[in-house]
Amino acid sequence: MQLDCPDLALERHLSYQDRPLGRFPRFVERVVATINSALENIPRDRVRLHVCWGNYEGPHDCDVPLADILPIIREANVGGFFFPFANPRHAHEYRVFEKLPLDDDQLIIAGVIDS
């Protein structure tokens, strides 16, 4: 099963751009808690989570850095994560996994083609 959750990153640009960055992680925590509740009794190795900053024509000047949300997103009871690393604004963020590695039984699926 794939969960498409662009709100875990994109919502910073949409609903939280005029609020302090410190409020956005609390939103992410609520979403991840809801995801985990919905996934109860589903083996995590059967679930992938797609997180992105959106694909739209406009500047990504309010995007949240992956390092600010990854500790929370990692709490999702999923076996793999899809992240778009082809986007020039986020191509470097794969490096965050050096400091915040996934669990041994989790995968990262890197998006490497940008529209």
PDB file of N, CA and C in Angstrom:
ATOM      1  N   MET A   1       0.839  -1.155   0.000  1.00  0.00           N
ATOM      2  CA  MET A   1       0.000   0.000   0.000  1.00  0.00           C
ATOM      3  C   MET A   1       0.900   1.240   0.000  1.00  0.00           C
ATOM      4  N   GLN A   2       0.548   2.202  -0.822  1.00  0.00           N
ATOM      5  CA  GLN A   2       1.275   3.468  -0.813  1.00  0.00           C
ATOM      6  C   GLN A   2       0.376   4.565  -0.271  1.00  0.00           C
ATOM      7  N   LEU A   3       0.879   5.289   0.691  1.00  0.00           N
ATOM      8  CA  LEU A   3       0.191   6.459   1.226  1.00  0.00           C
ATOM      9  C   LEU A   3       0.812   7.694   0.584  1.00  0.00           C
ATOM     10  N   ASP A   4      -0.015   8.497  -0.040  1.00  0.00           N
ATOM     11  CA  ASP A   4       0.461   9.718  -0.686  1.00  0.00           C
ATOM     12  C   ASP A   4       0.197  10.872   0.272  1.00  0.00           C
ATOM     13  N   CYS A   5       1.235  11.375   0.900  1.00  0.00           N
ATOM     14  CA  CYS A   5       1.086  12.366   1.970  1.00  0.00           C
ATOM     15  C   CYS A   5       1.929  13.617   1.705  1.00  0.00           C
ATOM     16  N   PRO A   6       1.651  14.335   0.626  1.00  0.00           N
ATOM     17  CA  PRO A   6       2.428  15.548   0.386  1.00  0.00           C
ATOM     18  C   PRO A   6       2.230  16.582   1.486  1.00  0.00           C
ATOM     19  N   ASP A   7       1.126  16.486   2.224  1.00  0.00           N
ATOM     20  CA  ASP A   7       0.881  17.458   3.287  1.00  0.00           C
ATOM     21  C   ASP A   7       1.966  17.439   4.354  1.00  0.00           C
ATOM     22  N   LEU A   8       2.674  16.333   4.512  1.00  0.00           N
ATOM     23  CA  LEU A   8       3.720  16.262   5.522  1.00  0.00           C
ATOM     24  C   LEU A   8       4.873  17.219   5.243  1.00  0.00           C
ATOM     25  N   ALA A   9       5.002  17.701   4.033  1.00  0.00           N
ATOM     26  CA  ALA A   9       6.005  18.716   3.702  1.00  0.00           C
ATOM     27  C   ALA A   9       5.355  19.927   3.028  1.00  0.00           C
ATOM     28  N   LEU A  10       4.494  19.680   2.064  1.00  0.00           N
ATOM     29  CA  LEU A  10       3.880  20.749   1.272  1.00  0.00           C
ATOM     30  C   LEU A  10       3.032  21.708   2.111  1.00  0.00           C
ATOM     31  N   GLU A  11       2.395  21.197   3.138  1.00  0.00           N
ATOM     32  CA  GLU A  11       1.484  22.045   3.927  1.00  0.00           C
ATOM     33  C   GLU A  11       2.216  23.202   4.594  1.00  0.00           C
ATOM     34  N   ARG A  12       3.520  23.061   4.796  1.00  0.00           N
ATOM     35  CA  ARG A  12       4.303  24.186   5.335  1.00  0.00           C
ATOM     36  C   ARG A  12       4.190  25.386   4.403  1.00  0.00           C
ATOM     37  N   HIS A  13       4.236  25.136   3.109  1.00  0.00           N
ATOM     38  CA  HIS A  13       4.146  26.210   2.122  1.00  0.00           C
ATOM     39  C   HIS A  13       2.723  26.741   2.001  1.00  0.00           C
ATOM     40  N   LEU A  14       1.744  25.878   2.191  1.00  0.00           N
ATOM     41  CA  LEU A  14       0.357  26.273   1.981  1.00  0.00           C
ATOM     42  C   LEU A  14      -0.259  26.937   3.217  1.00  0.00           C
ATOM     43  N   SER A  15      -0.428  26.191   4.274  1.00  0.00           N
ATOM     44  CA  SER A  15      -1.158  26.686   5.441  1.00  0.00           C
ATOM     45  C   SER A  15      -0.282  27.279   6.536  1.00  0.00           C
ATOM     46  N   TYR A  16       1.004  26.967   6.515  1.00  0.00           N
ATOM     47  CA  TYR A  16       1.873  27.381   7.610  1.00  0.00           C
ATOM     48  C   TYR A  16       2.934  28.400   7.198  1.00  0.00           C
ATOM     49  N   GLN A  17       2.882  28.926   6.002  1.00  0.00           N
ATOM     50  CA  GLN A  17       3.963  29.810   5.559  1.00  0.00           C
ATOM     51  C   GLN A  17       4.029  31.110   6.355  1.00  0.00           C
ATOM     52  N   ASP A  18       2.918  31.559   6.925  1.00  0.00           N
ATOM     53  CA  ASP A  18       2.908  32.789   7.700  1.00  0.00           C
ATOM     54  C   ASP A  18       2.974  32.534   9.208  1.00  0.00           C
ATOM     55  N   ARG A  19       3.216  31.300   9.568  1.00  0.00           N
ATOM     56  CA  ARG A  19       3.327  30.935  10.984  1.00  0.00           C
ATOM     57  C   ARG A  19       4.774  30.560  11.282  1.00  0.00           C
ATOM     58  N   PRO A  20       5.166  30.613  12.542  1.00  0.00           N
ATOM     59  CA  PRO A  20       6.536  30.197  12.892  1.00  0.00           C
ATOM     60  C   PRO A  20       6.777  28.739  12.509  1.00  0.00           C
ATOM     61  N   LEU A  21       7.970  28.452  12.035  1.00  0.00           N
ATOM     62  CA  LEU A  21       8.314  27.083  11.631  1.00  0.00           C
ATOM     63  C   LEU A  21       8.081  26.096  12.766  1.00  0.00           C
ATOM     64  N   GLY A  22       8.248  26.521  13.990  1.00  0.00           N
ATOM     65  CA  GLY A  22       8.080  25.642  15.140  1.00  0.00           C
ATOM     66  C   GLY A  22       6.691  25.054  15.280  1.00  0.00           C
ATOM     67  N   ARG A  23       5.693  25.656  14.677  1.00  0.00           N
ATOM     68  CA  ARG A  23       4.333  25.117  14.751  1.00  0.00           C
ATOM     69  C   ARG A  23       4.114  23.977  13.766  1.00  0.00           C
ATOM     70  N   PHE A  24       4.849  23.985  12.679  1.00  0.00           N
ATOM     71  CA  PHE A  24       4.614  22.979  11.645  1.00  0.00           C
ATOM     72  C   PHE A  24       4.917  21.554  12.101  1.00  0.00           C
ATOM     73  N   PRO A  25       6.006  21.306  12.828  1.00  0.00           N
ATOM     74  CA  PRO A  25       6.243  19.928  13.277  1.00  0.00           C
ATOM     75  C   PRO A  25       5.101  19.351  14.120  1.00  0.00           C
ATOM     76  N   ARG A  26       4.396  20.173  14.849  1.00  0.00           N
ATOM     77  CA  ARG A  26       3.253  19.666  15.629  1.00  0.00           C
ATOM     78  C   ARG A  26       2.146  19.161  14.700  1.00  0.00           C
ATOM     79  N   PHE A  27       1.964  19.850  13.577  1.00  0.00           N
ATOM     80  CA  PHE A  27       1.013  19.371  12.572  1.00  0.00           C
ATOM     81  C   PHE A  27       1.464  18.016  12.034  1.00  0.00           C
ATOM     82  N   VAL A  28       2.744  17.897  11.715  1.00  0.00           N
ATOM     83  CA  VAL A  28       3.285  16.638  11.184  1.00  0.00           C
ATOM     84  C   VAL A  28       3.094  15.521  12.207  1.00  0.00           C
ATOM     85  N   GLU A  29       3.317  15.820  13.475  1.00  0.00           N
ATOM     86  CA  GLU A  29       3.109  14.816  14.533  1.00  0.00           C
ATOM     87  C   GLU A  29       1.668  14.315  14.544  1.00  0.00           C
ATOM     88  N   ARG A  30       0.716  15.202  14.398  1.00  0.00           N
ATOM     89  CA  ARG A  30      -0.697  14.797  14.391  1.00  0.00           C
ATOM     90  C   ARG A  30      -1.016  13.917  13.184  1.00  0.00           C
ATOM     91  N   VAL A  31      -0.474  14.278  12.028  1.00  0.00           N
ATOM     92  CA  VAL A  31      -0.721  13.483  10.822  1.00  0.00           C
ATOM     93  C   VAL A  31      -0.103  12.092  10.960  1.00  0.00           C
ATOM     94  N   VAL A  32       1.124  12.019  11.452  1.00  0.00           N
ATOM     95  CA  VAL A  32       1.784  10.721  11.614  1.00  0.00           C
ATOM     96  C   VAL A  32       1.035   9.866  12.637  1.00  0.00           C
ATOM     97  N   ALA A  33       0.563  10.464  13.704  1.00  0.00           N
ATOM     98  CA  ALA A  33      -0.212   9.710  14.692  1.00  0.00           C
ATOM     99  C   ALA A  33      -1.491   9.159  14.061  1.00  0.00           C
ATOM    100  N   THR A  34      -2.127   9.943  13.214  1.00  0.00           N
ATOM    101  CA  THR A  34      -3.339   9.496  12.528  1.00  0.00           C
ATOM    102  C   THR A  34      -3.023   8.356  11.557  1.00  0.00           C
ATOM    103  N   ILE A  35      -1.921   8.505  10.835  1.00  0.00           N
ATOM    104  CA  ILE A  35      -1.494   7.438   9.922  1.00  0.00           C
ATOM    105  C   ILE A  35      -1.266   6.146  10.698  1.00  0.00           C
ATOM    106  N   ASN A  36      -0.540   6.248  11.796  1.00  0.00           N
ATOM    107  CA  ASN A  36      -0.248   5.046  12.581  1.00  0.00           C
ATOM    108  C   ASN A  36      -1.517   4.400  13.120  1.00  0.00           C
ATOM    109  N   SER A  37      -2.474   5.203  13.509  1.00  0.00           N
ATOM    110  CA  SER A  37      -3.745   4.662  13.974  1.00  0.00           C
ATOM    111  C   SER A  37      -4.467   3.922  12.835  1.00  0.00           C
ATOM    112  N   ALA A  38      -4.450   4.509  11.660  1.00  0.00           N
ATOM    113  CA  ALA A  38      -5.118   3.889  10.506  1.00  0.00           C
ATOM    114  C   ALA A  38      -4.419   2.602  10.061  1.00  0.00           C
ATOM    115  N   LEU A  39      -3.130   2.509  10.319  1.00  0.00           N
ATOM    116  CA  LEU A  39      -2.357   1.346   9.873  1.00  0.00           C
ATOM    117  C   LEU A  39      -2.302   0.223  10.905  1.00  0.00           C
ATOM    118  N   GLU A  40      -3.027   0.369  11.993  1.00  0.00           N
ATOM    119  CA  GLU A  40      -3.008  -0.658  13.020  1.00  0.00           C
ATOM    120  C   GLU A  40      -3.323  -2.024  12.393  1.00  0.00           C
ATOM    121  N   ASN A  41      -2.531  -3.007  12.734  1.00  0.00           N
ATOM    122  CA  ASN A  41      -2.670  -4.395  12.242  1.00  0.00           C
ATOM    123  C   ASN A  41      -2.248  -4.578  10.789  1.00  0.00           C
ATOM    124  N   ILE A  42      -1.647  -3.578  10.179  1.00  0.00           N
ATOM    125  CA  ILE A  42      -1.097  -3.735   8.823  1.00  0.00           C
ATOM    126  C   ILE A  42       0.424  -3.800   8.966  1.00  0.00           C
ATOM    127  N   PRO A  43       1.046  -4.865   8.498  1.00  0.00           N
ATOM    128  CA  PRO A  43       2.507  -4.984   8.626  1.00  0.00           C
ATOM    129  C   PRO A  43       3.212  -3.822   7.918  1.00  0.00           C
ATOM    130  N   ARG A  44       4.168  -3.225   8.590  1.00  0.00           N
ATOM    131  CA  ARG A  44       4.819  -2.051   8.014  1.00  0.00           C
ATOM    132  C   ARG A  44       5.601  -2.364   6.750  1.00  0.00           C
ATOM    133  N   ASP A  45       6.025  -3.600   6.568  1.00  0.00           N
ATOM    134  CA  ASP A  45       6.760  -3.924   5.348  1.00  0.00           C
ATOM    135  C   ASP A  45       5.857  -3.924   4.118  1.00  0.00           C
ATOM    136  N   ARG A  46       4.569  -3.751   4.312  1.00  0.00           N
ATOM    137  CA  ARG A  46       3.604  -3.690   3.210  1.00  0.00           C
ATOM    138  C   ARG A  46       3.181  -2.260   2.875  1.00  0.00           C
ATOM    139  N   VAL A  47       3.780  -1.282   3.561  1.00  0.00           N
ATOM    140  CA  VAL A  47       3.330   0.104   3.420  1.00  0.00           C
ATOM    141  C   VAL A  47       4.505   1.007   3.044  1.00  0.00           C
ATOM    142  N   ARG A  48       4.241   1.879   2.069  1.00  0.00           N
ATOM    143  CA  ARG A  48       5.204   2.915   1.655  1.00  0.00           C
ATOM    144  C   ARG A  48       4.547   4.275   1.854  1.00  0.00           C
ATOM    145  N   LEU A  49       5.345   5.262   2.193  1.00  0.00           N
ATOM    146  CA  LEU A  49       4.850   6.617   2.449  1.00  0.00           C
ATOM    147  C   LEU A  49       5.540   7.598   1.512  1.00  0.00           C
ATOM    148  N   HIS A  50       4.751   8.296   0.714  1.00  0.00           N
ATOM    149  CA  HIS A  50       5.276   9.310  -0.203  1.00  0.00           C
ATOM    150  C   HIS A  50       5.123  10.680   0.440  1.00  0.00           C
ATOM    151  N   VAL A  51       6.233  11.379   0.576  1.00  0.00           N
ATOM    152  CA  VAL A  51       6.261  12.732   1.133  1.00  0.00           C
ATOM    153  C   VAL A  51       6.932  13.633   0.115  1.00  0.00           C
ATOM    154  N   CYS A  52       6.309  14.786  -0.172  1.00  0.00           N
ATOM    155  CA  CYS A  52       6.934  15.709  -1.117  1.00  0.00           C
ATOM    156  C   CYS A  52       6.529  17.143  -0.813  1.00  0.00           C
ATOM    157  N   TRP A  53       7.155  18.048  -1.510  1.00  0.00           N
ATOM    158  CA  TRP A  53       6.912  19.479  -1.346  1.00  0.00           C
ATOM    159  C   TRP A  53       5.996  20.015  -2.443  1.00  0.00           C
ATOM    160  N   GLY A  54       5.413  19.145  -3.205  1.00  0.00           N
ATOM    161  CA  GLY A  54       4.459  19.555  -4.226  1.00  0.00           C
ATOM    162  C   GLY A  54       5.096  19.788  -5.577  1.00  0.00           C
ATOM    163  N   ASN A  55       4.286  19.617  -6.602  1.00  0.00           N
ATOM    164  CA  ASN A  55       4.709  19.820  -7.978  1.00  0.00           C
ATOM    165  C   ASN A  55       3.799  20.897  -8.558  1.00  0.00           C
ATOM    166  N   TYR A  56       4.229  22.105  -8.466  1.00  0.00           N
ATOM    167  CA  TYR A  56       3.420  23.222  -8.932  1.00  0.00           C
ATOM    168  C   TYR A  56       4.336  24.293  -9.512  1.00  0.00           C
ATOM    169  N   GLU A  57       3.764  25.108 -10.360  1.00  0.00           N
ATOM    170  CA  GLU A  57       4.539  26.191 -10.973  1.00  0.00           C
ATOM    171  C   GLU A  57       4.560  27.373 -10.020  1.00  0.00           C
ATOM    172  N   GLY A  58       5.636  27.511  -9.336  1.00  0.00           N
ATOM    173  CA  GLY A  58       5.789  28.596  -8.378  1.00  0.00           C
ATOM    174  C   GLY A  58       7.013  28.348  -7.535  1.00  0.00           C
ATOM    175  N   PRO A  59       7.460  29.368  -6.831  1.00  0.00           N
ATOM    176  CA  PRO A  59       8.665  29.211  -6.007  1.00  0.00           C
ATOM    177  C   PRO A  59       8.408  28.320  -4.801  1.00  0.00           C
ATOM    178  N   HIS A  60       9.411  27.612  -4.416  1.00  0.00           N
ATOM    179  CA  HIS A  60       9.353  26.774  -3.219  1.00  0.00           C
ATOM    180  C   HIS A  60      10.103  27.478  -2.089  1.00  0.00           C
ATOM    181  N   ASP A  61       9.831  28.736  -1.912  1.00  0.00           N
ATOM    182  CA  ASP A  61      10.587  29.543  -0.966  1.00  0.00           C
ATOM    183  C   ASP A  61      10.172  29.359   0.487  1.00  0.00           C
ATOM    184  N   CYS A  62       9.096  28.652   0.750  1.00  0.00           N
ATOM    185  CA  CYS A  62       8.654  28.401   2.121  1.00  0.00           C
ATOM    186  C   CYS A  62       8.733  26.924   2.489  1.00  0.00           C
ATOM    187  N   ASP A  63       9.398  26.122   1.672  1.00  0.00           N
ATOM    188  CA  ASP A  63       9.488  24.688   1.939  1.00  0.00           C
ATOM    189  C   ASP A  63      10.221  24.431   3.253  1.00  0.00           C
ATOM    190  N   VAL A  64       9.720  23.460   3.976  1.00  0.00           N
ATOM    191  CA  VAL A  64      10.362  23.039   5.211  1.00  0.00           C
ATOM    192  C   VAL A  64      11.547  22.132   4.860  1.00  0.00           C
ATOM    193  N   PRO A  65      12.685  22.314   5.511  1.00  0.00           N
ATOM    194  CA  PRO A  65      13.801  21.397   5.275  1.00  0.00           C
ATOM    195  C   PRO A  65      13.457  19.986   5.764  1.00  0.00           C
ATOM    196  N   LEU A  66      13.910  18.996   5.044  1.00  0.00           N
ATOM    197  CA  LEU A  66      13.651  17.615   5.426  1.00  0.00           C
ATOM    198  C   LEU A  66      14.171  17.324   6.829  1.00  0.00           C
ATOM    199  N   ALA A  67      15.301  17.886   7.196  1.00  0.00           N
ATOM    200  CA  ALA A  67      15.876  17.640   8.525  1.00  0.00           C
ATOM    201  C   ALA A  67      14.930  18.056   9.647  1.00  0.00           C
ATOM    202  N   ASP A  68      14.070  19.026   9.392  1.00  0.00           N
ATOM    203  CA  ASP A  68      13.136  19.497  10.420  1.00  0.00           C
ATOM    204  C   ASP A  68      11.953  18.571  10.628  1.00  0.00           C
ATOM    205  N   ILE A  69      11.628  17.768   9.636  1.00  0.00           N
ATOM    206  CA  ILE A  69      10.452  16.901   9.764  1.00  0.00           C
ATOM    207  C   ILE A  69      10.785  15.411   9.758  1.00  0.00           C
ATOM    208  N   LEU A  70      11.960  15.042   9.305  1.00  0.00           N
ATOM    209  CA  LEU A  70      12.292  13.615   9.209  1.00  0.00           C
ATOM    210  C   LEU A  70      12.228  12.884  10.547  1.00  0.00           C
ATOM    211  N   PRO A  71      12.690  13.473  11.659  1.00  0.00           N
ATOM    212  CA  PRO A  71      12.571  12.723  12.919  1.00  0.00           C
ATOM    213  C   PRO A  71      11.131  12.324  13.231  1.00  0.00           C
ATOM    214  N   ILE A  72      10.181  13.145  12.843  1.00  0.00           N
ATOM    215  CA  ILE A  72       8.769  12.839  13.087  1.00  0.00           C
ATOM    216  C   ILE A  72       8.259  11.851  12.051  1.00  0.00           C
ATOM    217  N   ILE A  73       8.583  12.084  10.790  1.00  0.00           N
ATOM    218  CA  ILE A  73       8.116  11.205   9.715  1.00  0.00           C
ATOM    219  C   ILE A  73       8.633   9.783   9.917  1.00  0.00           C
ATOM    220  N   ARG A  74       9.828   9.654  10.458  1.00  0.00           N
ATOM    221  CA  ARG A  74      10.399   8.325  10.711  1.00  0.00           C
ATOM    222  C   ARG A  74       9.557   7.508  11.687  1.00  0.00           C
ATOM    223  N   GLU A  75       8.717   8.172  12.463  1.00  0.00           N
ATOM    224  CA  GLU A  75       7.858   7.488  13.428  1.00  0.00           C
ATOM    225  C   GLU A  75       6.655   6.807  12.767  1.00  0.00           C
ATOM    226  N   ALA A  76       6.427   7.107  11.496  1.00  0.00           N
ATOM    227  CA  ALA A  76       5.321   6.455  10.779  1.00  0.00           C
ATOM    228  C   ALA A  76       5.610   4.956  10.680  1.00  0.00           C
ATOM    229  N   ASN A  77       4.608   4.162  10.919  1.00  0.00           N
ATOM    230  CA  ASN A  77       4.762   2.708  10.916  1.00  0.00           C
ATOM    231  C   ASN A  77       4.700   2.182   9.479  1.00  0.00           C
ATOM    232  N   VAL A  78       5.734   2.523   8.709  1.00  0.00           N
ATOM    233  CA  VAL A  78       5.806   2.125   7.305  1.00  0.00           C
ATOM    234  C   VAL A  78       7.163   1.489   7.033  1.00  0.00           C
ATOM    235  N   GLY A  79       7.224   0.715   5.970  1.00  0.00           N
ATOM    236  CA  GLY A  79       8.458   0.030   5.619  1.00  0.00           C
ATOM    237  C   GLY A  79       9.321   0.772   4.621  1.00  0.00           C
ATOM    238  N   GLY A  80       8.786   1.826   4.028  1.00  0.00           N
ATOM    239  CA  GLY A  80       9.563   2.568   3.043  1.00  0.00           C
ATOM    240  C   GLY A  80       9.047   3.977   2.867  1.00  0.00           C
ATOM    241  N   PHE A  81       9.936   4.830   2.419  1.00  0.00           N
ATOM    242  CA  PHE A  81       9.619   6.241   2.216  1.00  0.00           C
ATOM    243  C   PHE A  81      10.028   6.662   0.807  1.00  0.00           C
ATOM    244  N   PHE A  82       9.130   7.349   0.118  1.00  0.00           N
ATOM    245  CA  PHE A  82       9.431   7.961  -1.173  1.00  0.00           C
ATOM    246  C   PHE A  82       9.695   9.443  -0.948  1.00  0.00           C
ATOM    247  N   PHE A  83      10.847   9.925  -1.397  1.00  0.00           N
ATOM    248  CA  PHE A  83      11.168  11.355  -1.329  1.00  0.00           C
ATOM    249  C   PHE A  83      11.645  11.815  -2.705  1.00  0.00           C
ATOM    250  N   PRO A  84      11.269  13.019  -3.138  1.00  0.00           N
ATOM    251  CA  PRO A  84      11.706  13.534  -4.434  1.00  0.00           C
ATOM    252  C   PRO A  84      13.044  14.276  -4.299  1.00  0.00           C
ATOM    253  N   PHE A  85      14.099  13.647  -4.734  1.00  0.00           N
ATOM    254  CA  PHE A  85      15.409  14.280  -4.636  1.00  0.00           C
ATOM    255  C   PHE A  85      15.899  14.839  -5.965  1.00  0.00           C
ATOM    256  N   ALA A  86      15.054  14.840  -6.994  1.00  0.00           N
ATOM    257  CA  ALA A  86      15.442  15.430  -8.276  1.00  0.00           C
ATOM    258  C   ALA A  86      15.170  16.926  -8.301  1.00  0.00           C
ATOM    259  N   ASN A  87      14.264  17.395  -7.465  1.00  0.00           N
ATOM    260  CA  ASN A  87      13.944  18.813  -7.387  1.00  0.00           C
ATOM    261  C   ASN A  87      15.186  19.576  -6.935  1.00  0.00           C
ATOM    262  N   PRO A  88      15.622  20.598  -7.684  1.00  0.00           N
ATOM    263  CA  PRO A  88      16.844  21.315  -7.320  1.00  0.00           C
ATOM    264  C   PRO A  88      16.831  21.890  -5.897  1.00  0.00           C
ATOM    265  N   ARG A  89      15.673  22.254  -5.411  1.00  0.00           N
ATOM    266  CA  ARG A  89      15.613  22.814  -4.062  1.00  0.00           C
ATOM    267  C   ARG A  89      15.857  21.750  -2.994  1.00  0.00           C
ATOM    268  N   HIS A  90      15.639  20.489  -3.331  1.00  0.00           N
ATOM    269  CA  HIS A  90      15.746  19.432  -2.326  1.00  0.00           C
ATOM    270  C   HIS A  90      16.733  18.329  -2.682  1.00  0.00           C
ATOM    271  N   ALA A  91      17.444  18.470  -3.776  1.00  0.00           N
ATOM    272  CA  ALA A  91      18.359  17.412  -4.236  1.00  0.00           C
ATOM    273  C   ALA A  91      19.434  17.079  -3.198  1.00  0.00           C
ATOM    274  N   HIS A  92      19.860  18.045  -2.431  1.00  0.00           N
ATOM    275  CA  HIS A  92      20.923  17.831  -1.439  1.00  0.00           C
ATOM    276  C   HIS A  92      20.442  17.146  -0.164  1.00  0.00           C
ATOM    277  N   GLU A  93      19.135  17.081   0.026  1.00  0.00           N
ATOM    278  CA  GLU A  93      18.621  16.662   1.323  1.00  0.00           C
ATOM    279  C   GLU A  93      18.751  15.166   1.599  1.00  0.00           C
ATOM    280  N   TYR A  94      19.178  14.395   0.623  1.00  0.00           N
ATOM    281  CA  TYR A  94      19.435  12.979   0.889  1.00  0.00           C
ATOM    282  C   TYR A  94      20.487  12.840   1.982  1.00  0.00           C
ATOM    283  N   ARG A  95      21.317  13.866   2.144  1.00  0.00           N
ATOM    284  CA  ARG A  95      22.401  13.806   3.132  1.00  0.00           C
ATOM    285  C   ARG A  95      21.882  13.740   4.572  1.00  0.00           C
ATOM    286  N   VAL A  96      20.644  14.129   4.791  1.00  0.00           N
ATOM    287  CA  VAL A  96      20.087  14.098   6.138  1.00  0.00           C
ATOM    288  C   VAL A  96      20.055  12.674   6.685  1.00  0.00           C
ATOM    289  N   PHE A  97      20.030  11.689   5.805  1.00  0.00           N
ATOM    290  CA  PHE A  97      19.984  10.297   6.254  1.00  0.00           C
ATOM    291  C   PHE A  97      21.307   9.839   6.846  1.00  0.00           C
ATOM    292  N   GLU A  98      22.372  10.603   6.651  1.00  0.00           N
ATOM    293  CA  GLU A  98      23.643  10.286   7.304  1.00  0.00           C
ATOM    294  C   GLU A  98      23.518  10.479   8.811  1.00  0.00           C
ATOM    295  N   LYS A  99      22.758  11.488   9.233  1.00  0.00           N
ATOM    296  CA  LYS A  99      22.578  11.773  10.652  1.00  0.00           C
ATOM    297  C   LYS A  99      21.305  11.166  11.216  1.00  0.00           C
ATOM    298  N   LEU A 100      20.325  10.941  10.362  1.00  0.00           N
ATOM    299  CA  LEU A 100      19.042  10.392  10.790  1.00  0.00           C
ATOM    300  C   LEU A 100      18.701   9.162   9.949  1.00  0.00           C
ATOM    301  N   PRO A 101      19.442   8.083  10.121  1.00  0.00           N
ATOM    302  CA  PRO A 101      19.196   6.898   9.285  1.00  0.00           C
ATOM    303  C   PRO A 101      17.852   6.255   9.601  1.00  0.00           C
ATOM    304  N   LEU A 102      17.328   5.569   8.599  1.00  0.00           N
ATOM    305  CA  LEU A 102      16.109   4.799   8.790  1.00  0.00           C
ATOM    306  C   LEU A 102      16.428   3.531   9.564  1.00  0.00           C
ATOM    307  N   ASP A 103      15.394   2.859  10.030  1.00  0.00           N
ATOM    308  CA  ASP A 103      15.583   1.577  10.694  1.00  0.00           C
ATOM    309  C   ASP A 103      16.102   0.558   9.682  1.00  0.00           C
ATOM    310  N   ASP A 104      16.735  -0.484  10.174  1.00  0.00           N
ATOM    311  CA  ASP A 104      17.315  -1.503   9.293  1.00  0.00           C
ATOM    312  C   ASP A 104      16.293  -2.154   8.377  1.00  0.00           C
ATOM    313  N   ASP A 105      15.042  -2.224   8.802  1.00  0.00           N
ATOM    314  CA  ASP A 105      14.019  -2.871   7.983  1.00  0.00           C
ATOM    315  C   ASP A 105      13.215  -1.890   7.133  1.00  0.00           C
ATOM    316  N   GLN A 106      13.696  -0.654   7.006  1.00  0.00           N
ATOM    317  CA  GLN A 106      13.005   0.348   6.202  1.00  0.00           C
ATOM    318  C   GLN A 106      13.812   0.689   4.954  1.00  0.00           C
ATOM    319  N   LEU A 107      13.096   1.089   3.915  1.00  0.00           N
ATOM    320  CA  LEU A 107      13.690   1.461   2.628  1.00  0.00           C
ATOM    321  C   LEU A 107      13.503   2.946   2.372  1.00  0.00           C
ATOM    322  N   ILE A 108      14.401   3.494   1.567  1.00  0.00           N
ATOM    323  CA  ILE A 108      14.178   4.815   1.006  1.00  0.00           C
ATOM    324  C   ILE A 108      14.114   4.654  -0.498  1.00  0.00           C
ATOM    325  N   ILE A 109      13.093   5.223  -1.070  1.00  0.00           N
ATOM    326  CA  ILE A 109      12.944   5.215  -2.520  1.00  0.00           C
ATOM    327  C   ILE A 109      13.116   6.664  -2.961  1.00  0.00           C
ATOM    328  N   ALA A 110      14.165   6.927  -3.692  1.00  0.00           N
ATOM    329  CA  ALA A 110      14.491   8.297  -4.074  1.00  0.00           C
ATOM    330  C   ALA A 110      13.941   8.624  -5.454  1.00  0.00           C
ATOM    331  N   GLY A 111      13.154   9.692  -5.516  1.00  0.00           N
ATOM    332  CA  GLY A 111      12.711  10.193  -6.800  1.00  0.00           C
ATOM    333  C   GLY A 111      13.869  10.923  -7.469  1.00  0.00           C
ATOM    334  N   VAL A 112      14.246  10.474  -8.656  1.00  0.00           N
ATOM    335  CA  VAL A 112      15.422  11.050  -9.315  1.00  0.00           C
ATOM    336  C   VAL A 112      15.100  11.654 -10.673  1.00  0.00           C
ATOM    337  N   ILE A 113      13.816  11.695 -11.032  1.00  0.00           N
ATOM    338  CA  ILE A 113      13.401  12.328 -12.276  1.00  0.00           C
ATOM    339  C   ILE A 113      12.409  13.417 -11.901  1.00  0.00           C
ATOM    340  N   ASP A 114      12.667  14.635 -12.354  1.00  0.00           N
ATOM    341  CA  ASP A 114      11.792  15.761 -12.022  1.00  0.00           C
ATOM    342  C   ASP A 114      10.995  16.136 -13.270  1.00  0.00           C
ATOM    343  N   SER A 115       9.754  16.527 -13.067  1.00  0.00           N
ATOM    344  CA  SER A 115       8.927  16.914 -14.198  1.00  0.00           C
ATOM    345  C   SER A 115       9.387  18.245 -14.764  1.00  0.00           C
TER     346      SER A 115
END
